[in-house]
Amino acid sequence: MRLLLSKLVAALGLAAALAGCASQFDGSVYRGDGFAFRVSPAPAAWRPMAATGAALAYADTASGGQILVNARCDRDAEDTPLRSLTQHLFIRFTERVTHSESVVPFDGREAMRTDITAKLDGVNRRFLVWVMKKDRCVYDLLYFSSPERFESGAPAFEGWTRDFRALPREVSP
């Protein structure tokens, strides 16, 4: 399972984004390389986990799902449409089926909310993904699990994302 999670993280394009940067998380505010965000406390069933390249990662013990949050700044936030940023997360996946896709208000901006099923190395996973651009950064929030257990974990993730807030950037001169 750890190997599959590692492949999923890499395939979602998260691994390179934070390689080598110092970060801090105090339970509500995450500070990374040139970005920061605030989240509400994780639900009781979520356990922090290590995932190379993700700013935050949790295992949902109730649904068997995983939650990943990441940000990247000053690369593709200016001109790249939300749909393209979302699809890029799934570039190495096959048999993609989009269940729903919409642009909705999120943290004072628009975000792309996508519910998609896709395969990586023949393993089927269902994802709920939020992608937002703000202050020259792209924020990705993902929940994924087996399609059979998706509905048991997606509502908690959906509720948790409502409190996500990008914080002002601390950019070095």
N, C-alpha and C. Protein backbone atom coordinates (compact mmCIF):
# COMPACT_ATOMS: atom_id res chain seq x y z
N MET A 1 0.82 -1.19 0.00
CA MET A 1 0.00 0.00 0.00
C MET A 1 0.87 1.26 0.00
N ARG A 2 1.98 1.23 0.76
CA ARG A 2 2.87 2.40 0.79
C ARG A 2 3.45 2.66 -0.60
N LEU A 3 3.78 1.60 -1.33
CA LEU A 3 4.32 1.76 -2.67
C LEU A 3 3.29 2.42 -3.57
N LEU A 4 2.03 1.96 -3.48
CA LEU A 4 0.98 2.57 -4.29
C LEU A 4 0.80 4.03 -3.92
N LEU A 5 0.80 4.35 -2.62
CA LEU A 5 0.66 5.75 -2.20
C LEU A 5 1.81 6.57 -2.75
N SER A 6 3.02 6.04 -2.68
CA SER A 6 4.18 6.76 -3.22
C SER A 6 4.01 7.02 -4.71
N LYS A 7 3.53 6.02 -5.43
CA LYS A 7 3.32 6.20 -6.87
C LYS A 7 2.22 7.23 -7.13
N LEU A 8 1.17 7.19 -6.32
CA LEU A 8 0.09 8.17 -6.50
C LEU A 8 0.59 9.58 -6.27
N VAL A 9 1.35 9.78 -5.21
CA VAL A 9 1.89 11.10 -4.92
C VAL A 9 2.78 11.57 -6.07
N ALA A 10 3.65 10.70 -6.53
CA ALA A 10 4.54 11.07 -7.63
C ALA A 10 3.75 11.36 -8.89
N ALA A 11 2.78 10.52 -9.18
CA ALA A 11 1.99 10.70 -10.39
C ALA A 11 1.15 11.96 -10.33
N LEU A 12 0.77 12.38 -9.18
CA LEU A 12 -0.01 13.60 -9.04
C LEU A 12 0.87 14.85 -9.14
N GLY A 13 2.16 14.64 -9.33
CA GLY A 13 3.04 15.78 -9.55
C GLY A 13 3.41 16.53 -8.29
N LEU A 14 3.26 15.91 -7.13
CA LEU A 14 3.52 16.61 -5.89
C LEU A 14 4.96 16.48 -5.43
N ALA A 15 5.63 15.43 -5.81
CA ALA A 15 6.94 15.13 -5.23
C ALA A 15 7.97 16.22 -5.49
N ALA A 16 8.01 16.75 -6.69
CA ALA A 16 9.02 17.75 -7.00
C ALA A 16 8.72 19.11 -6.40
N ALA A 17 7.49 19.36 -6.07
CA ALA A 17 7.09 20.70 -5.65
C ALA A 17 7.74 21.16 -4.36
N LEU A 18 7.97 20.25 -3.43
CA LEU A 18 8.50 20.68 -2.14
C LEU A 18 9.86 20.08 -1.81
N ALA A 19 10.49 19.44 -2.76
CA ALA A 19 11.76 18.79 -2.48
C ALA A 19 12.77 19.79 -1.94
N GLY A 20 13.28 19.49 -0.78
CA GLY A 20 14.35 20.29 -0.21
C GLY A 20 13.91 21.55 0.49
N CYS A 21 12.64 21.81 0.68
CA CYS A 21 12.27 23.05 1.33
C CYS A 21 11.91 22.78 2.79
N ALA A 22 12.18 23.77 3.63
CA ALA A 22 11.83 23.66 5.04
C ALA A 22 10.37 24.02 5.20
N SER A 23 9.70 23.34 6.12
CA SER A 23 8.30 23.63 6.35
C SER A 23 7.97 23.47 7.82
N GLN A 24 6.84 24.06 8.21
CA GLN A 24 6.35 23.99 9.58
C GLN A 24 4.85 23.80 9.56
N PHE A 25 4.33 23.02 10.50
CA PHE A 25 2.89 22.87 10.67
C PHE A 25 2.61 22.82 12.15
N ASP A 26 1.79 23.75 12.64
CA ASP A 26 1.49 23.82 14.07
C ASP A 26 0.13 23.22 14.42
N GLY A 27 -0.49 22.52 13.47
CA GLY A 27 -1.80 21.94 13.69
C GLY A 27 -2.91 22.71 13.02
N SER A 28 -2.64 23.98 12.69
CA SER A 28 -3.63 24.76 11.95
C SER A 28 -3.01 25.58 10.83
N VAL A 29 -1.78 26.02 10.98
CA VAL A 29 -1.10 26.80 9.94
C VAL A 29 0.11 26.03 9.43
N TYR A 30 0.15 25.90 8.11
CA TYR A 30 1.28 25.27 7.44
C TYR A 30 2.07 26.38 6.75
N ARG A 31 3.38 26.39 6.96
CA ARG A 31 4.27 27.35 6.29
C ARG A 31 5.29 26.57 5.48
N GLY A 32 5.26 26.80 4.18
CA GLY A 32 6.18 26.13 3.28
C GLY A 32 7.11 27.13 2.63
N ASP A 33 7.69 26.76 1.52
CA ASP A 33 8.64 27.58 0.79
C ASP A 33 7.91 28.66 -0.01
N GLY A 34 7.69 29.82 0.60
CA GLY A 34 7.05 30.93 -0.09
C GLY A 34 5.53 30.90 -0.06
N PHE A 35 4.93 30.04 0.75
CA PHE A 35 3.48 29.98 0.86
C PHE A 35 3.09 29.56 2.27
N ALA A 36 1.86 29.84 2.62
CA ALA A 36 1.31 29.41 3.90
C ALA A 36 -0.19 29.26 3.74
N PHE A 37 -0.77 28.35 4.54
CA PHE A 37 -2.22 28.20 4.53
C PHE A 37 -2.69 27.74 5.91
N ARG A 38 -3.97 27.99 6.14
CA ARG A 38 -4.61 27.59 7.40
C ARG A 38 -5.66 26.53 7.10
N VAL A 39 -5.73 25.53 7.95
CA VAL A 39 -6.76 24.49 7.84
C VAL A 39 -7.39 24.30 9.21
N SER A 40 -8.58 23.74 9.22
CA SER A 40 -9.22 23.40 10.48
C SER A 40 -8.61 22.11 11.02
N PRO A 41 -8.86 21.79 12.27
CA PRO A 41 -8.34 20.52 12.79
C PRO A 41 -8.84 19.34 11.96
N ALA A 42 -7.97 18.37 11.79
CA ALA A 42 -8.34 17.18 11.02
C ALA A 42 -9.39 16.39 11.79
N PRO A 43 -10.33 15.76 11.06
CA PRO A 43 -11.30 14.90 11.72
C PRO A 43 -10.61 13.80 12.53
N ALA A 44 -11.30 13.27 13.53
CA ALA A 44 -10.73 12.29 14.45
C ALA A 44 -10.21 11.04 13.73
N ALA A 45 -10.82 10.66 12.63
CA ALA A 45 -10.40 9.44 11.92
C ALA A 45 -9.16 9.65 11.06
N TRP A 46 -8.69 10.88 10.91
CA TRP A 46 -7.53 11.15 10.09
C TRP A 46 -6.26 11.09 10.93
N ARG A 47 -5.26 10.42 10.41
CA ARG A 47 -3.97 10.31 11.07
C ARG A 47 -2.90 10.93 10.18
N PRO A 48 -2.07 11.83 10.74
CA PRO A 48 -0.98 12.39 9.93
C PRO A 48 -0.09 11.28 9.41
N MET A 49 0.40 11.48 8.20
CA MET A 49 1.31 10.50 7.61
C MET A 49 2.35 11.23 6.78
N ALA A 50 3.46 10.57 6.54
CA ALA A 50 4.50 11.12 5.70
C ALA A 50 4.19 10.77 4.25
N ALA A 51 4.30 11.75 3.39
CA ALA A 51 4.15 11.53 1.95
C ALA A 51 5.11 12.49 1.27
N THR A 52 6.12 11.95 0.68
CA THR A 52 7.14 12.77 0.04
C THR A 52 6.51 13.75 -0.93
N GLY A 53 6.77 15.01 -0.71
CA GLY A 53 6.31 16.03 -1.63
C GLY A 53 4.98 16.66 -1.29
N ALA A 54 4.21 16.12 -0.38
CA ALA A 54 2.94 16.73 -0.01
C ALA A 54 3.18 17.63 1.20
N ALA A 55 2.57 18.81 1.20
CA ALA A 55 2.69 19.69 2.35
C ALA A 55 2.05 19.02 3.56
N LEU A 56 0.84 18.54 3.41
CA LEU A 56 0.14 17.80 4.46
C LEU A 56 -0.36 16.49 3.87
N ALA A 57 -0.36 15.46 4.69
CA ALA A 57 -0.90 14.17 4.26
C ALA A 57 -1.53 13.48 5.45
N TYR A 58 -2.70 12.91 5.21
CA TYR A 58 -3.41 12.18 6.25
C TYR A 58 -3.90 10.85 5.68
N ALA A 59 -3.98 9.86 6.56
CA ALA A 59 -4.65 8.61 6.24
C ALA A 59 -5.99 8.64 6.95
N ASP A 60 -7.06 8.40 6.22
CA ASP A 60 -8.40 8.34 6.81
C ASP A 60 -8.65 6.90 7.23
N THR A 61 -8.54 6.64 8.52
CA THR A 61 -8.67 5.27 9.01
C THR A 61 -10.08 4.73 8.86
N ALA A 62 -11.06 5.62 8.77
CA ALA A 62 -12.46 5.17 8.63
C ALA A 62 -12.76 4.68 7.22
N SER A 63 -12.21 5.36 6.21
CA SER A 63 -12.54 5.01 4.82
C SER A 63 -11.40 4.32 4.08
N GLY A 64 -10.22 4.30 4.69
CA GLY A 64 -9.07 3.75 3.98
C GLY A 64 -8.52 4.71 2.95
N GLY A 65 -9.01 5.93 2.96
CA GLY A 65 -8.58 6.94 1.98
C GLY A 65 -7.37 7.72 2.45
N GLN A 66 -6.89 8.58 1.58
CA GLN A 66 -5.79 9.48 1.89
C GLN A 66 -6.17 10.90 1.51
N ILE A 67 -5.57 11.85 2.22
CA ILE A 67 -5.79 13.27 1.98
C ILE A 67 -4.41 13.88 1.75
N LEU A 68 -4.27 14.65 0.69
CA LEU A 68 -3.02 15.34 0.38
C LEU A 68 -3.33 16.80 0.12
N VAL A 69 -2.47 17.68 0.62
CA VAL A 69 -2.58 19.11 0.36
C VAL A 69 -1.21 19.59 -0.08
N ASN A 70 -1.20 20.40 -1.12
CA ASN A 70 0.07 20.91 -1.62
C ASN A 70 -0.12 22.29 -2.21
N ALA A 71 1.00 22.98 -2.35
CA ALA A 71 1.01 24.30 -2.99
C ALA A 71 2.31 24.45 -3.77
N ARG A 72 2.24 25.23 -4.81
CA ARG A 72 3.43 25.60 -5.56
C ARG A 72 3.21 27.02 -6.05
N CYS A 73 4.26 27.79 -6.05
CA CYS A 73 4.12 29.21 -6.35
C CYS A 73 5.06 29.63 -7.48
N ASP A 74 4.64 30.68 -8.17
CA ASP A 74 5.46 31.36 -9.18
C ASP A 74 5.81 30.51 -10.39
N ARG A 75 5.03 29.44 -10.66
CA ARG A 75 5.34 28.62 -11.82
C ARG A 75 4.23 28.62 -12.85
N ASP A 76 3.04 28.20 -12.47
CA ASP A 76 1.97 28.06 -13.46
C ASP A 76 0.66 28.69 -13.02
N ALA A 77 0.70 29.54 -12.02
CA ALA A 77 -0.55 30.09 -11.48
C ALA A 77 -1.11 31.24 -12.29
N GLU A 78 -0.30 31.88 -13.09
CA GLU A 78 -0.77 33.07 -13.79
C GLU A 78 -1.69 32.77 -14.98
N ASP A 79 -1.20 31.97 -15.91
CA ASP A 79 -1.90 31.81 -17.19
C ASP A 79 -2.58 30.46 -17.40
N THR A 80 -2.31 29.50 -16.56
CA THR A 80 -2.84 28.16 -16.80
C THR A 80 -4.26 28.04 -16.25
N PRO A 81 -5.21 27.63 -17.07
CA PRO A 81 -6.59 27.48 -16.60
C PRO A 81 -6.73 26.40 -15.53
N LEU A 82 -7.72 26.55 -14.66
CA LEU A 82 -7.96 25.59 -13.59
C LEU A 82 -8.15 24.17 -14.12
N ARG A 83 -8.88 24.03 -15.22
CA ARG A 83 -9.10 22.70 -15.79
C ARG A 83 -7.78 22.05 -16.18
N SER A 84 -6.89 22.80 -16.80
CA SER A 84 -5.59 22.25 -17.19
C SER A 84 -4.76 21.87 -15.98
N LEU A 85 -4.78 22.71 -14.94
CA LEU A 85 -4.04 22.39 -13.72
C LEU A 85 -4.58 21.10 -13.08
N THR A 86 -5.88 20.94 -13.10
CA THR A 86 -6.50 19.74 -12.54
C THR A 86 -6.13 18.51 -13.37
N GLN A 87 -6.27 18.60 -14.68
CA GLN A 87 -5.96 17.46 -15.54
C GLN A 87 -4.49 17.07 -15.47
N HIS A 88 -3.63 18.04 -15.24
CA HIS A 88 -2.21 17.75 -15.13
C HIS A 88 -1.92 16.81 -13.95
N LEU A 89 -2.73 16.89 -12.91
CA LEU A 89 -2.55 16.00 -11.76
C LEU A 89 -2.72 14.53 -12.14
N PHE A 90 -3.46 14.29 -13.23
CA PHE A 90 -3.80 12.92 -13.62
C PHE A 90 -3.12 12.50 -14.92
N ILE A 91 -2.04 13.14 -15.28
CA ILE A 91 -1.41 12.91 -16.57
C ILE A 91 -0.91 11.47 -16.73
N ARG A 92 -0.50 10.82 -15.67
CA ARG A 92 0.02 9.44 -15.77
C ARG A 92 -1.05 8.39 -15.49
N PHE A 93 -2.28 8.81 -15.30
CA PHE A 93 -3.37 7.89 -15.00
C PHE A 93 -4.06 7.46 -16.28
N THR A 94 -4.70 6.30 -16.23
CA THR A 94 -5.46 5.80 -17.37
C THR A 94 -6.92 5.64 -16.97
N GLU A 95 -7.75 5.39 -17.96
CA GLU A 95 -9.17 5.12 -17.76
C GLU A 95 -9.83 6.15 -16.83
N ARG A 96 -9.59 7.41 -17.14
CA ARG A 96 -10.16 8.50 -16.33
C ARG A 96 -11.63 8.67 -16.67
N VAL A 97 -12.44 8.75 -15.63
CA VAL A 97 -13.87 9.02 -15.78
C VAL A 97 -14.21 10.17 -14.86
N THR A 98 -14.63 11.30 -15.44
CA THR A 98 -15.00 12.45 -14.63
C THR A 98 -16.48 12.36 -14.27
N HIS A 99 -16.75 12.32 -12.97
CA HIS A 99 -18.13 12.22 -12.48
C HIS A 99 -18.76 13.60 -12.40
N SER A 100 -17.98 14.60 -11.98
CA SER A 100 -18.46 15.97 -11.95
C SER A 100 -17.27 16.91 -11.95
N GLU A 101 -17.51 18.10 -12.47
CA GLU A 101 -16.47 19.12 -12.54
C GLU A 101 -17.17 20.46 -12.54
N SER A 102 -16.77 21.33 -11.62
CA SER A 102 -17.40 22.64 -11.56
C SER A 102 -16.43 23.67 -11.00
N VAL A 103 -16.64 24.90 -11.41
CA VAL A 103 -15.89 26.03 -10.86
C VAL A 103 -16.78 26.67 -9.81
N VAL A 104 -16.26 26.75 -8.59
CA VAL A 104 -17.06 27.24 -7.46
C VAL A 104 -16.23 28.21 -6.62
N PRO A 105 -16.90 29.08 -5.85
CA PRO A 105 -16.17 29.98 -4.95
C PRO A 105 -15.40 29.17 -3.89
N PHE A 106 -14.18 29.61 -3.61
CA PHE A 106 -13.33 28.90 -2.65
C PHE A 106 -12.29 29.89 -2.13
N ASP A 107 -12.30 30.17 -0.85
CA ASP A 107 -11.33 31.07 -0.23
C ASP A 107 -11.25 32.41 -0.97
N GLY A 108 -12.40 32.96 -1.33
CA GLY A 108 -12.43 34.26 -1.98
C GLY A 108 -12.05 34.26 -3.45
N ARG A 109 -11.83 33.12 -4.02
CA ARG A 109 -11.48 32.97 -5.44
C ARG A 109 -12.37 31.91 -6.05
N GLU A 110 -12.06 31.57 -7.29
CA GLU A 110 -12.71 30.43 -7.93
C GLU A 110 -11.78 29.23 -7.82
N ALA A 111 -12.36 28.07 -7.68
CA ALA A 111 -11.60 26.83 -7.66
C ALA A 111 -12.31 25.81 -8.53
N MET A 112 -11.55 24.87 -9.05
CA MET A 112 -12.12 23.76 -9.80
C MET A 112 -12.29 22.60 -8.82
N ARG A 113 -13.53 22.13 -8.71
CA ARG A 113 -13.84 20.96 -7.87
C ARG A 113 -14.14 19.81 -8.83
N THR A 114 -13.38 18.73 -8.72
CA THR A 114 -13.51 17.61 -9.65
C THR A 114 -13.63 16.31 -8.88
N ASP A 115 -14.59 15.50 -9.29
CA ASP A 115 -14.78 14.14 -8.78
C ASP A 115 -14.44 13.23 -9.96
N ILE A 116 -13.40 12.42 -9.80
CA ILE A 116 -12.89 11.63 -10.93
C ILE A 116 -12.43 10.26 -10.46
N THR A 117 -12.64 9.26 -11.29
CA THR A 117 -12.09 7.93 -11.06
C THR A 117 -11.01 7.71 -12.11
N ALA A 118 -9.88 7.15 -11.68
CA ALA A 118 -8.77 6.91 -12.61
C ALA A 118 -7.93 5.75 -12.10
N LYS A 119 -7.16 5.17 -13.02
CA LYS A 119 -6.29 4.04 -12.67
C LYS A 119 -4.83 4.45 -12.79
N LEU A 120 -4.04 3.91 -11.85
CA LEU A 120 -2.60 4.02 -11.91
C LEU A 120 -2.05 2.62 -11.70
N ASP A 121 -1.27 2.14 -12.64
CA ASP A 121 -0.74 0.78 -12.59
C ASP A 121 -1.84 -0.25 -12.40
N GLY A 122 -2.99 0.01 -13.03
CA GLY A 122 -4.10 -0.92 -12.98
C GLY A 122 -4.95 -0.86 -11.72
N VAL A 123 -4.60 0.02 -10.79
CA VAL A 123 -5.35 0.15 -9.54
C VAL A 123 -6.32 1.32 -9.66
N ASN A 124 -7.59 1.03 -9.45
CA ASN A 124 -8.65 2.02 -9.59
C ASN A 124 -8.78 2.83 -8.30
N ARG A 125 -8.82 4.16 -8.41
CA ARG A 125 -9.01 5.05 -7.27
C ARG A 125 -9.99 6.14 -7.68
N ARG A 126 -10.77 6.59 -6.70
CA ARG A 126 -11.67 7.71 -6.94
C ARG A 126 -11.16 8.90 -6.15
N PHE A 127 -11.19 10.08 -6.78
CA PHE A 127 -10.61 11.30 -6.22
C PHE A 127 -11.65 12.41 -6.14
N LEU A 128 -11.54 13.20 -5.09
CA LEU A 128 -12.22 14.48 -5.00
C LEU A 128 -11.11 15.50 -4.89
N VAL A 129 -11.04 16.41 -5.86
CA VAL A 129 -9.91 17.32 -5.98
C VAL A 129 -10.40 18.77 -6.03
N TRP A 130 -9.76 19.62 -5.26
CA TRP A 130 -9.96 21.06 -5.34
C TRP A 130 -8.66 21.68 -5.82
N VAL A 131 -8.71 22.54 -6.83
CA VAL A 131 -7.54 23.26 -7.33
C VAL A 131 -7.90 24.74 -7.37
N MET A 132 -7.07 25.55 -6.70
CA MET A 132 -7.30 26.99 -6.63
C MET A 132 -6.01 27.74 -6.93
N LYS A 133 -6.15 28.87 -7.62
CA LYS A 133 -5.03 29.78 -7.85
C LYS A 133 -5.25 31.02 -7.00
N LYS A 134 -4.22 31.42 -6.27
CA LYS A 134 -4.33 32.64 -5.46
C LYS A 134 -2.94 33.19 -5.19
N ASP A 135 -2.76 34.47 -5.44
CA ASP A 135 -1.49 35.16 -5.18
C ASP A 135 -0.29 34.45 -5.80
N ARG A 136 -0.46 34.06 -7.07
CA ARG A 136 0.59 33.41 -7.86
C ARG A 136 0.97 32.03 -7.33
N CYS A 137 0.06 31.41 -6.60
CA CYS A 137 0.26 30.04 -6.11
C CYS A 137 -0.90 29.18 -6.58
N VAL A 138 -0.64 27.89 -6.71
CA VAL A 138 -1.67 26.90 -7.00
C VAL A 138 -1.75 25.99 -5.79
N TYR A 139 -2.97 25.81 -5.29
CA TYR A 139 -3.22 24.93 -4.15
C TYR A 139 -4.02 23.73 -4.63
N ASP A 140 -3.56 22.53 -4.27
CA ASP A 140 -4.25 21.29 -4.61
C ASP A 140 -4.66 20.61 -3.31
N LEU A 141 -5.92 20.27 -3.18
CA LEU A 141 -6.42 19.50 -2.04
C LEU A 141 -7.09 18.26 -2.60
N LEU A 142 -6.64 17.08 -2.18
CA LEU A 142 -7.13 15.83 -2.76
C LEU A 142 -7.55 14.85 -1.68
N TYR A 143 -8.64 14.17 -1.93
CA TYR A 143 -9.03 13.00 -1.16
C TYR A 143 -9.14 11.87 -2.16
N PHE A 144 -8.61 10.70 -1.83
CA PHE A 144 -8.78 9.55 -2.72
C PHE A 144 -8.87 8.27 -1.92
N SER A 145 -9.59 7.33 -2.50
CA SER A 145 -9.76 6.01 -1.89
C SER A 145 -10.20 5.03 -2.96
N SER A 146 -10.45 3.80 -2.55
CA SER A 146 -11.03 2.85 -3.48
C SER A 146 -12.43 3.35 -3.83
N PRO A 147 -12.90 3.10 -5.04
CA PRO A 147 -14.24 3.58 -5.41
C PRO A 147 -15.33 3.06 -4.46
N GLU A 148 -15.15 1.85 -3.94
CA GLU A 148 -16.16 1.26 -3.06
C GLU A 148 -16.28 1.98 -1.73
N ARG A 149 -15.22 2.62 -1.27
CA ARG A 149 -15.22 3.27 0.05
C ARG A 149 -15.21 4.79 -0.05
N PHE A 150 -15.23 5.30 -1.25
CA PHE A 150 -15.14 6.74 -1.48
C PHE A 150 -16.22 7.52 -0.72
N GLU A 151 -17.45 7.10 -0.84
CA GLU A 151 -18.56 7.84 -0.22
C GLU A 151 -18.48 7.88 1.30
N SER A 152 -17.75 6.96 1.92
CA SER A 152 -17.65 6.99 3.37
C SER A 152 -16.66 8.04 3.88
N GLY A 153 -15.76 8.52 3.02
CA GLY A 153 -14.78 9.51 3.45
C GLY A 153 -14.90 10.87 2.80
N ALA A 154 -15.52 10.93 1.63
CA ALA A 154 -15.60 12.20 0.90
C ALA A 154 -16.32 13.30 1.66
N PRO A 155 -17.42 13.04 2.36
CA PRO A 155 -18.10 14.14 3.07
C PRO A 155 -17.23 14.82 4.14
N ALA A 156 -16.44 14.06 4.87
CA ALA A 156 -15.55 14.66 5.88
C ALA A 156 -14.52 15.55 5.20
N PHE A 157 -13.96 15.08 4.09
CA PHE A 157 -12.99 15.89 3.34
C PHE A 157 -13.65 17.16 2.82
N GLU A 158 -14.82 17.02 2.24
CA GLU A 158 -15.55 18.17 1.69
C GLU A 158 -15.79 19.23 2.77
N GLY A 159 -16.21 18.79 3.95
CA GLY A 159 -16.42 19.72 5.06
C GLY A 159 -15.13 20.39 5.50
N TRP A 160 -14.06 19.61 5.55
CA TRP A 160 -12.77 20.13 5.99
C TRP A 160 -12.23 21.18 5.02
N THR A 161 -12.45 21.00 3.73
CA THR A 161 -11.93 21.95 2.75
C THR A 161 -12.58 23.33 2.88
N ARG A 162 -13.78 23.40 3.41
CA ARG A 162 -14.48 24.69 3.52
C ARG A 162 -13.72 25.71 4.35
N ASP A 163 -12.90 25.24 5.29
CA ASP A 163 -12.15 26.15 6.16
C ASP A 163 -10.74 26.45 5.65
N PHE A 164 -10.36 25.91 4.52
CA PHE A 164 -9.03 26.17 3.97
C PHE A 164 -8.88 27.65 3.63
N ARG A 165 -7.75 28.25 4.04
CA ARG A 165 -7.46 29.64 3.71
C ARG A 165 -5.98 29.78 3.34
N ALA A 166 -5.72 30.32 2.17
CA ALA A 166 -4.34 30.67 1.81
C ALA A 166 -4.00 31.93 2.59
N LEU A 167 -2.81 31.97 3.15
CA LEU A 167 -2.36 33.11 3.93
C LEU A 167 -1.43 33.97 3.08
N PRO A 168 -1.26 35.24 3.45
CA PRO A 168 -0.37 36.09 2.67
C PRO A 168 1.01 35.49 2.54
N ARG A 169 1.57 35.65 1.36
CA ARG A 169 2.88 35.07 1.07
C ARG A 169 3.99 35.85 1.75
N GLU A 170 5.00 35.11 2.19
CA GLU A 170 6.21 35.71 2.72
C GLU A 170 7.31 35.46 1.70
N VAL A 171 7.43 36.39 0.77
CA VAL A 171 8.37 36.21 -0.34
C VAL A 171 9.65 36.99 -0.04
N SER A 172 10.76 36.33 -0.19
CA SER A 172 12.06 37.01 0.01
C SER A 172 12.30 37.98 -1.11
N PRO A 173 12.90 39.14 -0.82
CA PRO A 173 13.19 40.12 -1.88
C PRO A 173 14.25 39.65 -2.84
